[in-house]
Protein backbone atom coordinates (compact mmCIF):
# COMPACT_ATOMS: atom_id res chain seq x y z
CA MET A 1 -75.82 43.49 72.59
CA PRO A 2 -72.33 44.32 71.35
CA MET A 3 -71.31 44.58 67.73
CA ASN A 4 -70.15 41.29 66.23
CA ARG A 5 -66.66 41.48 64.76
CA ILE A 6 -66.59 38.04 63.14
CA TYR A 7 -68.99 36.40 60.73
CA ALA A 8 -71.40 33.84 62.18
CA GLU A 9 -70.33 30.22 61.89
CA ARG A 10 -73.91 29.24 61.09
CA GLU A 11 -76.28 31.13 58.85
CA PRO A 12 -79.77 31.30 60.42
CA SER A 13 -82.76 30.34 58.33
CA ARG A 14 -85.12 33.00 57.02
CA ALA A 15 -87.83 31.64 59.34
CA GLU A 16 -85.51 32.09 62.34
CA VAL A 17 -84.73 35.66 61.31
CA ASP A 18 -88.39 36.50 60.69
CA ALA A 19 -89.22 35.28 64.21
CA LEU A 20 -86.61 37.43 66.01
CA PRO A 21 -88.18 39.82 68.52
CA GLY A 22 -87.07 43.44 68.85
CA ALA A 23 -84.47 45.30 66.83
CA THR A 24 -82.04 43.33 64.64
CA LEU A 25 -79.39 44.52 62.22
CA ILE A 26 -78.25 41.95 59.67
CA GLU A 27 -74.93 42.79 58.04
CA PHE A 28 -74.28 40.85 54.83
CA GLY A 29 -70.71 40.84 53.50
CA THR A 30 -67.44 38.93 53.46
CA PRO A 31 -64.19 39.16 55.44
CA TRP A 32 -62.20 40.03 52.29
CA CYS A 33 -64.52 42.80 51.02
CA GLY A 34 -62.88 46.24 51.15
CA HIS A 35 -66.23 48.05 51.32
CA CYS A 36 -67.20 45.83 54.27
CA SER A 37 -63.95 46.62 56.09
CA ARG A 38 -64.43 50.37 55.61
CA THR A 39 -67.95 50.11 57.05
CA GLN A 40 -66.84 48.52 60.35
CA PRO A 41 -65.87 51.76 62.17
CA MET A 42 -69.18 53.35 61.10
CA LEU A 43 -71.12 50.35 62.40
CA GLU A 44 -69.22 50.37 65.66
CA ALA A 45 -69.94 54.07 66.20
CA ALA A 46 -73.63 53.71 65.30
CA LEU A 47 -74.16 50.65 67.50
CA ALA A 48 -72.25 52.05 70.50
CA ASP A 49 -75.38 53.63 71.96
CA ARG A 50 -77.78 50.88 70.91
CA PRO A 51 -77.24 47.85 73.18
CA ASP A 52 -80.84 46.86 72.41
CA VAL A 53 -79.97 46.00 68.79
CA ARG A 54 -79.09 42.40 67.91
CA HIS A 55 -76.26 42.46 65.32
CA LEU A 56 -75.99 39.46 62.99
CA LYS A 57 -72.89 39.44 60.80
CA ILE A 58 -73.59 37.02 57.96
CA GLU A 59 -71.04 35.99 55.33
CA ASP A 60 -72.71 36.14 51.94
CA GLY A 61 -71.93 34.59 48.60
CA PRO A 62 -72.94 31.84 46.19
CA GLY A 63 -75.12 29.21 47.80
CA ARG A 64 -75.97 31.41 50.78
CA ARG A 65 -79.74 31.29 51.08
CA LEU A 66 -80.33 34.05 53.62
CA GLY A 67 -78.69 36.70 51.46
CA ARG A 68 -80.67 35.55 48.43
CA SER A 69 -83.92 35.68 50.41
CA PHE A 70 -83.19 39.36 51.13
CA GLY A 71 -82.15 40.09 47.54
CA VAL A 72 -78.58 41.05 48.49
CA LYS A 73 -76.53 42.06 45.45
CA LEU A 74 -73.72 44.27 46.85
CA TRP A 75 -71.69 44.20 50.07
CA PRO A 76 -72.08 45.34 52.65
CA THR A 77 -75.86 45.33 52.74
CA LEU A 78 -77.37 46.26 56.10
CA VAL A 79 -80.94 45.12 56.73
CA PHE A 80 -82.70 46.65 59.73
CA LEU A 81 -85.53 44.60 61.23
CA SER A 82 -88.11 45.30 63.89
CA ASP A 83 -89.77 42.12 65.18
CA GLY A 84 -88.64 40.28 62.04
CA ARG A 85 -90.03 42.91 59.64
CA GLU A 86 -87.69 44.96 57.44
CA VAL A 87 -87.90 48.68 58.26
CA ALA A 88 -84.77 49.99 56.51
CA ARG A 89 -81.91 48.90 54.26
CA LEU A 90 -78.55 50.43 53.42
CA VAL A 91 -76.13 49.28 50.74
CA ARG A 92 -72.57 50.49 51.17
CA PRO A 93 -73.53 53.22 53.65
CA PRO A 94 -71.58 56.43 53.06
CA ARG A 95 -71.44 57.59 56.70
CA SER A 96 -72.35 56.49 60.23
CA GLU A 97 -75.20 59.03 60.37
CA ALA A 98 -77.04 57.02 57.72
CA ILE A 99 -76.75 53.94 59.93
CA VAL A 100 -77.94 55.86 63.00
CA GLU A 101 -80.93 57.14 61.02
CA ALA A 102 -81.84 53.62 59.90
CA LEU A 103 -81.49 52.37 63.49
CA GLY A 104 -83.98 55.08 64.47
CA ARG A 105 -86.53 53.56 62.10
CA GLN A 106 -86.37 50.37 64.17
CA ARG A 107 -87.58 52.32 67.20
CA GLU A 108 -90.45 53.75 65.15
CA GLY A 109 -91.41 50.19 64.18
CA ASP A 110 -91.61 49.05 67.83
């Protein structure tokens, strides 16, 4: 699946996320966040060779339940899931290699 470039119009419930099969990357952030913008090229590079990864781009903030259920405090926060189970997490990743490494943990979890 390709990388999502826009934030989802609808935030899924935690139950929906927990039930997702396979590899999923949830990106929590906002369109106006500078850290989030700087992370986009790294995400694109890391996801280029992983069409098997579902990418959910979720706008976070006050009143957003999904981010709270994952304990998100800073943006961007990347949560890597394998069959709905968290296998890795990155907060403000410094380089694309860190994202690639975390994506590799999803394969280990399969």
